[in-house]
Amino acid sequence: MDTSKFKPTREAFLAGAALLAATPAMAEGVSRMPAIESVLHKPARHKQVIAAVKLDHGAPLRHAMNGLNAFEHAFAQGPGSLHVAVVFYGSSLLIAANDAMWGKYHFFDILDASGDGLPDILHTPANPFLHPTPAHPEEDFSIETLGRRGVTFIVCNNALHAMSRFVAAKQNVGEGQVYADVSRNLVPGAIIVPAGVAAIVLAQEAGFTFLYG
């Protein structure tokens, strides 16, 4: 699909995300506070929060995998010694959507339009970062594998609204429909928070070290 027609409104997407990030936290996230606190305070010898604004060919997930492998194997501290929380608060949040959403809303094209494209990955109707890669298990940084290894995935509600507006404008559908669809079709265990930047603060207050993804 020719994505050149998307280019002129990339700035609108970025501006919308910045505007939403500056607004007060939405009331719909308040009830999730106990769940967020519970996850962030679960026991672990080491804790790291990765701030993921861009998908960047899966770099935030690679960082999570590398950290887990380092403590589990190189430092011989075993499974579960590191708790990683990845906060998606920009175009990276599309990593946390399931295959159905990637197919329905053509997320490869949306990423191309946002400047965070994946030119080296075959464009299919599926999330290329969701399922394990059995051919190279030692380098498996898929969402499903990382989730089984205890990684927490946190999605910014502000960015989710901005992304929904961007997708709706490109595909002539309702913004509310996109938001409802994607928020109901995140990967298992993903937590929506009012603001990703606030979640990073909470994580650091809970003892997580910070890594910009």
N, C-alpha and C. Protein backbone atom coordinates (compact mmCIF):
# COMPACT_ATOMS: atom_id res chain seq x y z
N MET A 1 0.84 -1.20 0.00
CA MET A 1 0.00 0.00 0.00
C MET A 1 0.87 1.24 0.00
N ASP A 2 0.49 2.24 -0.82
CA ASP A 2 1.24 3.50 -0.87
C ASP A 2 0.94 4.29 0.39
N THR A 3 1.96 4.54 1.20
CA THR A 3 1.76 5.28 2.45
C THR A 3 2.13 6.75 2.32
N SER A 4 2.47 7.22 1.14
CA SER A 4 2.89 8.60 0.98
C SER A 4 1.79 9.58 1.38
N LYS A 5 0.53 9.17 1.20
CA LYS A 5 -0.58 10.06 1.53
C LYS A 5 -0.71 10.29 3.02
N PHE A 6 -0.07 9.42 3.82
CA PHE A 6 -0.14 9.60 5.26
C PHE A 6 0.85 10.66 5.76
N LYS A 7 1.91 10.91 5.02
CA LYS A 7 3.03 11.70 5.51
C LYS A 7 2.66 13.08 6.03
N PRO A 8 1.80 13.85 5.34
CA PRO A 8 1.56 15.22 5.77
C PRO A 8 0.98 15.35 7.18
N THR A 9 0.36 14.30 7.70
CA THR A 9 -0.30 14.42 8.99
C THR A 9 0.46 13.72 10.11
N ARG A 10 1.70 13.33 9.85
CA ARG A 10 2.51 12.77 10.91
C ARG A 10 2.66 13.76 12.06
N GLU A 11 2.84 15.06 11.71
CA GLU A 11 3.00 16.09 12.73
C GLU A 11 1.75 16.20 13.60
N ALA A 12 0.59 15.96 12.98
CA ALA A 12 -0.66 16.03 13.76
C ALA A 12 -0.70 14.94 14.81
N PHE A 13 -0.21 13.76 14.45
CA PHE A 13 -0.16 12.65 15.41
C PHE A 13 0.74 13.00 16.58
N LEU A 14 1.95 13.51 16.27
CA LEU A 14 2.91 13.83 17.32
C LEU A 14 2.40 14.97 18.19
N ALA A 15 1.78 15.96 17.56
CA ALA A 15 1.26 17.09 18.33
C ALA A 15 0.12 16.64 19.23
N GLY A 16 -0.72 15.74 18.71
CA GLY A 16 -1.82 15.23 19.52
C GLY A 16 -1.34 14.46 20.72
N ALA A 17 -0.30 13.66 20.52
CA ALA A 17 0.25 12.89 21.63
C ALA A 17 0.83 13.81 22.69
N ALA A 18 1.51 14.86 22.26
CA ALA A 18 2.09 15.80 23.22
C ALA A 18 1.01 16.53 23.99
N LEU A 19 -0.06 16.92 23.30
CA LEU A 19 -1.15 17.62 23.96
C LEU A 19 -1.82 16.73 25.00
N LEU A 20 -2.10 15.50 24.64
CA LEU A 20 -2.75 14.59 25.57
C LEU A 20 -1.86 14.31 26.77
N ALA A 21 -0.55 14.20 26.54
CA ALA A 21 0.36 13.93 27.65
C ALA A 21 0.38 15.07 28.65
N ALA A 22 -0.01 16.27 28.22
CA ALA A 22 0.02 17.43 29.10
C ALA A 22 -1.29 17.64 29.84
N THR A 23 -2.33 16.87 29.52
CA THR A 23 -3.62 17.03 30.16
C THR A 23 -3.68 16.24 31.45
N PRO A 24 -4.64 16.60 32.37
CA PRO A 24 -4.77 15.85 33.61
C PRO A 24 -5.09 14.39 33.33
N ALA A 25 -4.66 13.51 34.24
CA ALA A 25 -4.93 12.08 34.08
C ALA A 25 -6.43 11.84 34.02
N MET A 26 -6.84 10.94 33.15
CA MET A 26 -8.26 10.69 32.97
C MET A 26 -8.82 9.86 34.12
N ALA A 27 -10.07 10.13 34.49
CA ALA A 27 -10.68 9.47 35.64
C ALA A 27 -10.75 7.96 35.46
N GLU A 28 -10.82 7.48 34.20
CA GLU A 28 -10.95 6.05 33.97
C GLU A 28 -9.75 5.27 34.48
N GLY A 29 -8.62 5.94 34.71
CA GLY A 29 -7.44 5.24 35.19
C GLY A 29 -7.30 5.18 36.69
N VAL A 30 -8.10 5.98 37.41
CA VAL A 30 -7.94 6.07 38.85
C VAL A 30 -8.18 4.74 39.53
N SER A 31 -9.19 4.01 39.06
CA SER A 31 -9.53 2.74 39.70
C SER A 31 -8.44 1.69 39.52
N ARG A 32 -7.50 1.93 38.62
CA ARG A 32 -6.44 0.95 38.37
C ARG A 32 -5.25 1.15 39.30
N MET A 33 -5.26 2.17 40.10
CA MET A 33 -4.10 2.48 40.93
C MET A 33 -3.68 1.30 41.82
N PRO A 34 -4.59 0.64 42.53
CA PRO A 34 -4.17 -0.50 43.35
C PRO A 34 -3.50 -1.61 42.54
N ALA A 35 -4.02 -1.87 41.34
CA ALA A 35 -3.44 -2.92 40.50
C ALA A 35 -2.03 -2.53 40.05
N ILE A 36 -1.85 -1.25 39.69
CA ILE A 36 -0.53 -0.78 39.26
C ILE A 36 0.46 -0.90 40.41
N GLU A 37 0.05 -0.42 41.58
CA GLU A 37 0.93 -0.47 42.76
C GLU A 37 1.29 -1.91 43.10
N SER A 38 0.31 -2.80 43.01
CA SER A 38 0.56 -4.21 43.34
C SER A 38 1.61 -4.81 42.42
N VAL A 39 1.50 -4.52 41.13
CA VAL A 39 2.46 -5.07 40.16
C VAL A 39 3.85 -4.50 40.39
N LEU A 40 3.93 -3.19 40.61
CA LEU A 40 5.23 -2.56 40.75
C LEU A 40 5.94 -2.92 42.05
N HIS A 41 5.18 -3.35 43.05
CA HIS A 41 5.79 -3.65 44.34
C HIS A 41 5.97 -5.16 44.58
N LYS A 42 5.73 -5.97 43.56
CA LYS A 42 5.97 -7.39 43.76
C LYS A 42 7.46 -7.64 43.94
N PRO A 43 7.84 -8.58 44.79
CA PRO A 43 9.25 -8.77 45.15
C PRO A 43 10.12 -9.17 43.95
N ALA A 44 11.29 -8.56 43.87
CA ALA A 44 12.30 -8.92 42.87
C ALA A 44 13.62 -8.34 43.35
N ARG A 45 14.70 -9.08 43.12
CA ARG A 45 16.00 -8.60 43.56
C ARG A 45 16.43 -7.36 42.80
N HIS A 46 16.11 -7.32 41.50
CA HIS A 46 16.44 -6.18 40.67
C HIS A 46 15.19 -5.74 39.91
N LYS A 47 15.09 -4.43 39.65
CA LYS A 47 13.93 -3.89 38.94
C LYS A 47 14.39 -2.85 37.92
N GLN A 48 13.78 -2.90 36.74
CA GLN A 48 14.12 -1.93 35.70
C GLN A 48 12.88 -1.54 34.93
N VAL A 49 12.68 -0.23 34.73
CA VAL A 49 11.57 0.26 33.92
C VAL A 49 12.14 0.81 32.62
N ILE A 50 11.58 0.39 31.51
CA ILE A 50 12.03 0.83 30.18
C ILE A 50 10.98 1.77 29.60
N ALA A 51 11.39 2.99 29.31
CA ALA A 51 10.50 3.98 28.73
C ALA A 51 10.54 3.85 27.21
N ALA A 52 9.45 3.39 26.61
CA ALA A 52 9.41 3.11 25.18
C ALA A 52 8.48 4.09 24.48
N VAL A 53 9.06 5.08 23.81
CA VAL A 53 8.26 6.03 23.03
C VAL A 53 8.06 5.50 21.62
N LYS A 54 9.17 5.09 20.99
CA LYS A 54 9.09 4.53 19.64
C LYS A 54 9.26 3.01 19.66
N LEU A 55 8.67 2.38 18.67
CA LEU A 55 8.82 0.94 18.52
C LEU A 55 10.26 0.58 18.16
N ASP A 56 10.87 1.37 17.29
CA ASP A 56 12.29 1.26 16.97
C ASP A 56 12.72 -0.19 16.69
N HIS A 57 11.97 -0.85 15.79
CA HIS A 57 12.29 -2.22 15.39
C HIS A 57 12.31 -3.19 16.58
N GLY A 58 11.56 -2.87 17.62
CA GLY A 58 11.48 -3.78 18.76
C GLY A 58 12.56 -3.57 19.80
N ALA A 59 13.29 -2.45 19.73
CA ALA A 59 14.40 -2.21 20.66
C ALA A 59 13.99 -2.31 22.13
N PRO A 60 12.84 -1.77 22.57
CA PRO A 60 12.48 -1.89 23.99
C PRO A 60 12.36 -3.35 24.43
N LEU A 61 11.85 -4.20 23.55
CA LEU A 61 11.72 -5.62 23.89
C LEU A 61 13.09 -6.30 23.93
N ARG A 62 13.97 -5.91 23.03
CA ARG A 62 15.33 -6.46 23.05
C ARG A 62 16.04 -6.08 24.35
N HIS A 63 15.86 -4.83 24.79
CA HIS A 63 16.47 -4.41 26.04
C HIS A 63 15.97 -5.26 27.21
N ALA A 64 14.66 -5.52 27.21
CA ALA A 64 14.09 -6.34 28.27
C ALA A 64 14.69 -7.74 28.26
N MET A 65 14.78 -8.35 27.07
CA MET A 65 15.36 -9.68 26.94
C MET A 65 16.82 -9.70 27.40
N ASN A 66 17.58 -8.70 26.99
CA ASN A 66 19.00 -8.67 27.35
C ASN A 66 19.19 -8.55 28.85
N GLY A 67 18.37 -7.74 29.50
CA GLY A 67 18.47 -7.61 30.94
C GLY A 67 18.14 -8.90 31.66
N LEU A 68 17.07 -9.54 31.23
CA LEU A 68 16.67 -10.82 31.83
C LEU A 68 17.77 -11.87 31.67
N ASN A 69 18.32 -11.95 30.45
CA ASN A 69 19.37 -12.95 30.19
C ASN A 69 20.62 -12.67 31.01
N ALA A 70 20.96 -11.39 31.16
CA ALA A 70 22.17 -11.04 31.89
C ALA A 70 22.09 -11.51 33.35
N PHE A 71 20.99 -11.19 34.01
CA PHE A 71 20.89 -11.57 35.42
C PHE A 71 20.64 -13.06 35.61
N GLU A 72 19.86 -13.65 34.68
CA GLU A 72 19.54 -15.08 34.82
C GLU A 72 20.75 -15.96 34.52
N HIS A 73 21.52 -15.61 33.49
CA HIS A 73 22.60 -16.48 33.04
C HIS A 73 24.00 -15.93 33.34
N ALA A 74 24.31 -14.73 32.82
CA ALA A 74 25.66 -14.20 32.99
C ALA A 74 26.02 -13.98 34.46
N PHE A 75 25.05 -13.46 35.23
CA PHE A 75 25.30 -13.25 36.65
C PHE A 75 24.82 -14.42 37.51
N ALA A 76 24.27 -15.45 36.84
CA ALA A 76 23.86 -16.69 37.52
C ALA A 76 22.93 -16.46 38.70
N GLN A 77 21.98 -15.53 38.54
CA GLN A 77 21.04 -15.27 39.63
C GLN A 77 19.69 -15.95 39.41
N GLY A 78 19.54 -16.61 38.29
CA GLY A 78 18.36 -17.42 38.07
C GLY A 78 17.14 -16.66 37.56
N PRO A 79 16.13 -17.41 37.12
CA PRO A 79 14.90 -16.81 36.61
C PRO A 79 14.21 -15.96 37.68
N GLY A 80 13.62 -14.87 37.26
CA GLY A 80 12.86 -14.03 38.18
C GLY A 80 13.68 -13.06 39.00
N SER A 81 15.00 -13.04 38.80
CA SER A 81 15.83 -12.13 39.60
C SER A 81 15.67 -10.67 39.16
N LEU A 82 15.23 -10.46 37.91
CA LEU A 82 14.99 -9.11 37.40
C LEU A 82 13.53 -8.97 37.00
N HIS A 83 12.87 -7.94 37.53
CA HIS A 83 11.52 -7.59 37.08
C HIS A 83 11.62 -6.40 36.15
N VAL A 84 11.21 -6.58 34.91
CA VAL A 84 11.23 -5.50 33.92
C VAL A 84 9.80 -5.03 33.67
N ALA A 85 9.63 -3.71 33.69
CA ALA A 85 8.36 -3.10 33.30
C ALA A 85 8.62 -2.23 32.07
N VAL A 86 7.90 -2.47 30.99
CA VAL A 86 8.04 -1.67 29.78
C VAL A 86 6.82 -0.76 29.67
N VAL A 87 7.07 0.54 29.60
CA VAL A 87 5.99 1.52 29.50
C VAL A 87 5.91 2.03 28.07
N PHE A 88 4.79 1.75 27.40
CA PHE A 88 4.58 2.19 26.03
C PHE A 88 3.78 3.49 26.05
N TYR A 89 4.39 4.59 25.60
CA TYR A 89 3.63 5.85 25.62
C TYR A 89 3.84 6.69 24.37
N GLY A 90 4.01 6.04 23.25
CA GLY A 90 4.08 6.70 21.94
C GLY A 90 3.65 5.69 20.90
N SER A 91 4.22 5.78 19.71
CA SER A 91 3.87 4.82 18.67
C SER A 91 4.23 3.39 19.07
N SER A 92 5.11 3.24 20.05
CA SER A 92 5.49 1.90 20.51
C SER A 92 4.31 1.11 21.07
N LEU A 93 3.24 1.80 21.47
CA LEU A 93 2.13 1.07 22.09
C LEU A 93 1.49 0.07 21.14
N LEU A 94 1.74 0.21 19.84
CA LEU A 94 1.18 -0.76 18.90
C LEU A 94 1.76 -2.15 19.12
N ILE A 95 2.94 -2.24 19.75
CA ILE A 95 3.52 -3.54 20.09
C ILE A 95 2.56 -4.31 20.99
N ALA A 96 1.80 -3.59 21.80
CA ALA A 96 0.95 -4.24 22.80
C ALA A 96 -0.43 -4.62 22.26
N ALA A 97 -0.67 -4.41 20.97
CA ALA A 97 -1.95 -4.79 20.37
C ALA A 97 -1.85 -6.18 19.74
N ASN A 98 -2.95 -6.92 19.76
CA ASN A 98 -2.91 -8.29 19.24
C ASN A 98 -2.99 -8.34 17.71
N ASP A 99 -2.91 -9.55 17.18
CA ASP A 99 -2.90 -9.73 15.72
C ASP A 99 -4.15 -9.15 15.06
N ALA A 100 -5.31 -9.30 15.70
CA ALA A 100 -6.55 -8.83 15.10
C ALA A 100 -6.50 -7.33 14.84
N MET A 101 -5.92 -6.58 15.76
CA MET A 101 -5.85 -5.13 15.59
C MET A 101 -4.84 -4.73 14.51
N TRP A 102 -3.73 -5.46 14.43
CA TRP A 102 -2.74 -5.17 13.38
C TRP A 102 -3.35 -5.39 12.01
N GLY A 103 -4.19 -6.42 11.89
CA GLY A 103 -4.82 -6.68 10.61
C GLY A 103 -5.94 -5.71 10.30
N LYS A 104 -6.79 -5.44 11.28
CA LYS A 104 -7.97 -4.59 11.05
C LYS A 104 -7.59 -3.15 10.73
N TYR A 105 -6.59 -2.62 11.43
CA TYR A 105 -6.24 -1.20 11.28
C TYR A 105 -4.91 -0.96 10.55
N HIS A 106 -4.36 -2.00 9.94
CA HIS A 106 -3.17 -1.85 9.10
C HIS A 106 -2.05 -1.10 9.83
N PHE A 107 -1.64 -1.64 10.96
CA PHE A 107 -0.68 -0.94 11.81
C PHE A 107 0.70 -0.79 11.18
N PHE A 108 1.05 -1.67 10.25
CA PHE A 108 2.32 -1.45 9.55
C PHE A 108 2.29 -0.11 8.82
N ASP A 109 1.17 0.19 8.18
CA ASP A 109 1.04 1.45 7.46
C ASP A 109 1.00 2.64 8.43
N ILE A 110 0.37 2.45 9.56
CA ILE A 110 0.31 3.52 10.56
C ILE A 110 1.71 3.84 11.07
N LEU A 111 2.51 2.82 11.30
CA LEU A 111 3.89 3.04 11.75
C LEU A 111 4.71 3.75 10.68
N ASP A 112 4.53 3.35 9.43
CA ASP A 112 5.21 4.04 8.34
C ASP A 112 4.86 5.53 8.35
N ALA A 113 3.58 5.82 8.56
CA ALA A 113 3.11 7.21 8.54
C ALA A 113 3.65 8.00 9.73
N SER A 114 3.89 7.33 10.84
CA SER A 114 4.35 8.02 12.05
C SER A 114 5.86 8.24 12.06
N GLY A 115 6.57 7.66 11.09
CA GLY A 115 8.02 7.75 11.07
C GLY A 115 8.71 6.68 11.89
N ASP A 116 7.96 5.69 12.32
CA ASP A 116 8.50 4.60 13.15
C ASP A 116 8.29 3.27 12.42
N GLY A 117 8.52 3.27 11.13
CA GLY A 117 8.20 2.12 10.29
C GLY A 117 9.12 0.93 10.47
N LEU A 118 8.72 -0.17 9.82
CA LEU A 118 9.45 -1.44 9.90
C LEU A 118 9.74 -1.94 8.49
N PRO A 119 10.59 -1.26 7.75
CA PRO A 119 10.82 -1.62 6.34
C PRO A 119 11.47 -2.97 6.14
N ASP A 120 12.17 -3.48 7.15
CA ASP A 120 12.88 -4.75 7.00
C ASP A 120 12.06 -5.96 7.43
N ILE A 121 10.82 -5.72 7.85
CA ILE A 121 9.95 -6.82 8.29
C ILE A 121 8.82 -6.99 7.29
N LEU A 122 8.55 -8.23 6.92
CA LEU A 122 7.47 -8.52 5.99
C LEU A 122 6.15 -8.00 6.55
N HIS A 123 5.45 -7.18 5.77
CA HIS A 123 4.19 -6.60 6.22
C HIS A 123 3.06 -7.60 6.05
N THR A 124 2.59 -8.10 7.16
CA THR A 124 1.48 -9.07 7.18
C THR A 124 0.38 -8.50 8.07
N PRO A 125 -0.77 -9.18 8.16
CA PRO A 125 -1.84 -8.68 9.04
C PRO A 125 -1.61 -9.01 10.51
N ALA A 126 -0.41 -9.41 10.90
CA ALA A 126 -0.16 -9.86 12.27
C ALA A 126 0.90 -9.00 12.94
N ASN A 127 0.86 -8.98 14.28
CA ASN A 127 1.87 -8.29 15.08
C ASN A 127 3.18 -9.07 15.01
N PRO A 128 4.23 -8.51 14.42
CA PRO A 128 5.47 -9.27 14.23
C PRO A 128 6.26 -9.49 15.52
N PHE A 129 5.84 -8.84 16.61
CA PHE A 129 6.55 -8.96 17.87
C PHE A 129 5.78 -9.78 18.92
N LEU A 130 4.66 -10.34 18.53
CA LEU A 130 3.79 -10.99 19.52
C LEU A 130 4.20 -12.42 19.82
N HIS A 131 4.48 -13.22 18.80
CA HIS A 131 4.65 -14.66 18.99
C HIS A 131 6.13 -15.07 19.06
N PRO A 132 6.42 -16.18 19.74
CA PRO A 132 7.81 -16.65 19.88
C PRO A 132 8.47 -16.95 18.55
N THR A 133 9.79 -16.93 18.55
CA THR A 133 10.57 -17.25 17.36
C THR A 133 11.36 -18.53 17.64
N PRO A 134 10.78 -19.70 17.39
CA PRO A 134 11.41 -20.97 17.76
C PRO A 134 12.73 -21.22 17.06
N ALA A 135 12.95 -20.59 15.91
CA ALA A 135 14.20 -20.82 15.19
C ALA A 135 15.40 -20.27 15.96
N HIS A 136 15.18 -19.25 16.78
CA HIS A 136 16.26 -18.65 17.56
C HIS A 136 15.78 -18.39 18.99
N PRO A 137 15.52 -19.44 19.75
CA PRO A 137 14.95 -19.26 21.10
C PRO A 137 15.84 -18.45 22.02
N GLU A 138 17.15 -18.50 21.80
CA GLU A 138 18.06 -17.74 22.67
C GLU A 138 17.96 -16.24 22.42
N GLU A 139 17.34 -15.85 21.32
CA GLU A 139 17.17 -14.44 20.99
C GLU A 139 15.68 -14.08 20.88
N ASP A 140 14.85 -14.76 21.62
CA ASP A 140 13.41 -14.56 21.54
C ASP A 140 13.00 -13.39 22.43
N PHE A 141 12.65 -12.28 21.81
CA PHE A 141 12.18 -11.13 22.58
C PHE A 141 10.71 -10.84 22.28
N SER A 142 9.96 -11.88 21.95
CA SER A 142 8.55 -11.70 21.65
C SER A 142 7.78 -11.33 22.92
N ILE A 143 6.64 -10.67 22.71
CA ILE A 143 5.77 -10.29 23.83
C ILE A 143 5.36 -11.53 24.64
N GLU A 144 4.96 -12.58 23.95
CA GLU A 144 4.49 -13.78 24.67
C GLU A 144 5.59 -14.38 25.53
N THR A 145 6.79 -14.49 25.00
CA THR A 145 7.89 -15.07 25.76
C THR A 145 8.29 -14.17 26.92
N LEU A 146 8.40 -12.87 26.67
CA LEU A 146 8.76 -11.95 27.75
C LEU A 146 7.69 -11.94 28.84
N GLY A 147 6.44 -12.04 28.44
CA GLY A 147 5.36 -12.10 29.44
C GLY A 147 5.50 -13.32 30.33
N ARG A 148 5.85 -14.45 29.74
CA ARG A 148 6.05 -15.67 30.54
C ARG A 148 7.25 -15.52 31.47
N ARG A 149 8.19 -14.66 31.11
CA ARG A 149 9.37 -14.45 31.94
C ARG A 149 9.16 -13.35 32.98
N GLY A 150 7.92 -12.87 33.08
CA GLY A 150 7.59 -11.93 34.14
C GLY A 150 7.63 -10.47 33.80
N VAL A 151 7.83 -10.13 32.53
CA VAL A 151 7.86 -8.72 32.14
C VAL A 151 6.45 -8.13 32.23
N THR A 152 6.36 -6.92 32.77
CA THR A 152 5.10 -6.19 32.87
C THR A 152 5.00 -5.19 31.72
N PHE A 153 3.86 -5.17 31.03
CA PHE A 153 3.64 -4.25 29.93
C PHE A 153 2.60 -3.21 30.32
N ILE A 154 2.98 -1.94 30.23
CA ILE A 154 2.13 -0.83 30.66
C ILE A 154 1.86 0.08 29.46
N VAL A 155 0.59 0.39 29.23
CA VAL A 155 0.19 1.19 28.07
C VAL A 155 -0.38 2.53 28.54
N CYS A 156 0.13 3.61 27.96
CA CYS A 156 -0.32 4.95 28.29
C CYS A 156 -1.68 5.24 27.66
N ASN A 157 -2.66 5.60 28.48
CA ASN A 157 -4.00 5.90 27.97
C ASN A 157 -4.01 7.16 27.12
N ASN A 158 -3.21 8.16 27.50
CA ASN A 158 -3.12 9.38 26.69
C ASN A 158 -2.65 9.07 25.28
N ALA A 159 -1.59 8.29 25.18
CA ALA A 159 -1.06 7.92 23.86
C ALA A 159 -2.04 7.04 23.10
N LEU A 160 -2.79 6.22 23.81
CA LEU A 160 -3.79 5.36 23.17
C LEU A 160 -4.88 6.20 22.51
N HIS A 161 -5.29 7.27 23.19
CA HIS A 161 -6.27 8.18 22.59
C HIS A 161 -5.68 8.90 21.38
N ALA A 162 -4.44 9.36 21.48
CA ALA A 162 -3.82 10.06 20.36
C ALA A 162 -3.67 9.13 19.15
N MET A 163 -3.25 7.90 19.41
CA MET A 163 -3.10 6.94 18.33
C MET A 163 -4.46 6.64 17.70
N SER A 164 -5.49 6.52 18.52
CA SER A 164 -6.84 6.23 18.01
C SER A 164 -7.31 7.34 17.08
N ARG A 165 -7.02 8.58 17.46
CA ARG A 165 -7.40 9.71 16.62
C ARG A 165 -6.65 9.67 15.28
N PHE A 166 -5.37 9.34 15.34
CA PHE A 166 -4.54 9.28 14.15
C PHE A 166 -5.03 8.19 13.21
N VAL A 167 -5.29 7.00 13.74
CA VAL A 167 -5.77 5.88 12.92
C VAL A 167 -7.13 6.22 12.32
N ALA A 168 -8.02 6.80 13.13
CA ALA A 168 -9.37 7.13 12.65
C ALA A 168 -9.32 8.10 11.47
N ALA A 169 -8.42 9.08 11.54
CA ALA A 169 -8.31 10.05 10.46
C ALA A 169 -7.79 9.43 9.17
N LYS A 170 -6.90 8.46 9.32
CA LYS A 170 -6.32 7.82 8.14
C LYS A 170 -7.27 6.83 7.47
N GLN A 171 -8.13 6.21 8.26
CA GLN A 171 -8.92 5.10 7.73
C GLN A 171 -10.43 5.38 7.74
N ASN A 172 -10.79 6.63 8.02
CA ASN A 172 -12.18 7.05 7.93
C ASN A 172 -13.11 6.20 8.80
N VAL A 173 -12.68 5.99 10.04
CA VAL A 173 -13.51 5.28 11.02
C VAL A 173 -13.61 6.16 12.25
N GLY A 174 -14.48 5.79 13.17
CA GLY A 174 -14.67 6.60 14.36
C GLY A 174 -13.52 6.44 15.34
N GLU A 175 -13.08 7.55 15.93
CA GLU A 175 -12.01 7.50 16.92
C GLU A 175 -12.41 6.62 18.10
N GLY A 176 -13.66 6.75 18.55
CA GLY A 176 -14.13 5.95 19.67
C GLY A 176 -14.10 4.47 19.38
N GLN A 177 -14.40 4.11 18.13
CA GLN A 177 -14.37 2.70 17.75
C GLN A 177 -12.95 2.15 17.82
N VAL A 178 -11.99 2.92 17.31
CA VAL A 178 -10.60 2.47 17.34
C VAL A 178 -10.14 2.31 18.78
N TYR A 179 -10.42 3.32 19.61
CA TYR A 179 -9.99 3.26 21.01
C TYR A 179 -10.60 2.04 21.71
N ALA A 180 -11.89 1.83 21.53
CA ALA A 180 -12.55 0.70 22.19
C ALA A 180 -11.98 -0.62 21.71
N ASP A 181 -11.77 -0.74 20.40
CA ASP A 181 -11.23 -1.98 19.85
C ASP A 181 -9.84 -2.29 20.41
N VAL A 182 -8.95 -1.32 20.33
CA VAL A 182 -7.56 -1.57 20.73
C VAL A 182 -7.46 -1.79 22.24
N SER A 183 -8.19 -1.00 23.03
CA SER A 183 -8.10 -1.17 24.47
C SER A 183 -8.63 -2.52 24.93
N ARG A 184 -9.53 -3.12 24.13
CA ARG A 184 -10.05 -4.46 24.46
C ARG A 184 -9.20 -5.57 23.84
N ASN A 185 -8.24 -5.21 23.01
CA ASN A 185 -7.45 -6.22 22.30
C ASN A 185 -5.96 -6.03 22.51
N LEU A 186 -5.59 -5.71 23.74
CA LEU A 186 -4.18 -5.65 24.08
C LEU A 186 -3.69 -7.05 24.42
N VAL A 187 -2.38 -7.22 24.44
CA VAL A 187 -1.82 -8.53 24.78
C VAL A 187 -2.18 -8.88 26.22
N PRO A 188 -2.30 -10.17 26.55
CA PRO A 188 -2.69 -10.57 27.90
C PRO A 188 -1.77 -9.98 28.96
N GLY A 189 -2.40 -9.45 30.00
CA GLY A 189 -1.64 -8.91 31.12
C GLY A 189 -1.26 -7.46 30.99
N ALA A 190 -1.46 -6.84 29.82
CA ALA A 190 -1.12 -5.43 29.65
C ALA A 190 -2.01 -4.57 30.53
N ILE A 191 -1.42 -3.53 31.12
CA ILE A 191 -2.14 -2.63 32.02
C ILE A 191 -2.21 -1.25 31.37
N ILE A 192 -3.41 -0.70 31.27
CA ILE A 192 -3.59 0.67 30.78
C ILE A 192 -3.52 1.61 31.98
N VAL A 193 -2.68 2.63 31.88
CA VAL A 193 -2.55 3.63 32.95
C VAL A 193 -2.93 4.99 32.38
N PRO A 194 -3.35 5.93 33.24
CA PRO A 194 -3.76 7.25 32.73
C PRO A 194 -2.68 7.95 31.93
N ALA A 195 -1.42 7.87 32.40
CA ALA A 195 -0.32 8.55 31.72
C ALA A 195 0.95 7.73 31.88
N GLY A 196 1.61 7.46 30.78
CA GLY A 196 2.83 6.67 30.84
C GLY A 196 3.93 7.33 31.64
N VAL A 197 4.05 8.66 31.51
CA VAL A 197 5.10 9.36 32.25
C VAL A 197 4.89 9.23 33.76
N ALA A 198 3.62 9.20 34.18
CA ALA A 198 3.33 9.03 35.60
C ALA A 198 3.67 7.61 36.05
N ALA A 199 3.42 6.64 35.19
CA ALA A 199 3.75 5.25 35.53
C ALA A 199 5.25 5.09 35.72
N ILE A 200 6.03 5.80 34.95
CA ILE A 200 7.49 5.74 35.10
C ILE A 200 7.90 6.31 36.46
N VAL A 201 7.24 7.39 36.88
CA VAL A 201 7.50 7.95 38.21
C VAL A 201 7.18 6.92 39.29
N LEU A 202 6.01 6.30 39.18
CA LEU A 202 5.61 5.30 40.17
C LEU A 202 6.61 4.14 40.22
N ALA A 203 7.07 3.73 39.05
CA ALA A 203 8.03 2.62 39.00
C ALA A 203 9.33 3.00 39.69
N GLN A 204 9.82 4.21 39.43
CA GLN A 204 11.05 4.64 40.06
C GLN A 204 10.89 4.77 41.57
N GLU A 205 9.74 5.23 42.00
CA GLU A 205 9.47 5.32 43.44
C GLU A 205 9.40 3.94 44.07
N ALA A 206 9.07 2.93 43.25
CA ALA A 206 9.01 1.55 43.75
C ALA A 206 10.36 0.84 43.63
N GLY A 207 11.41 1.56 43.25
CA GLY A 207 12.75 0.99 43.23
C GLY A 207 13.25 0.55 41.87
N PHE A 208 12.54 0.88 40.80
CA PHE A 208 12.99 0.51 39.45
C PHE A 208 14.03 1.52 38.97
N THR A 209 15.09 1.00 38.35
CA THR A 209 16.04 1.88 37.67
C THR A 209 15.48 2.20 36.29
N PHE A 210 15.89 3.33 35.74
CA PHE A 210 15.29 3.85 34.50
C PHE A 210 16.18 3.57 33.29
N LEU A 211 15.55 3.13 32.21
CA LEU A 211 16.25 2.97 30.94
C LEU A 211 15.36 3.52 29.85
N TYR A 212 15.90 4.43 29.06
CA TYR A 212 15.15 4.96 27.93
C TYR A 212 15.27 3.98 26.78
N GLY A 213 14.13 3.45 26.32
CA GLY A 213 14.13 2.41 25.31
C GLY A 213 14.34 2.88 23.93
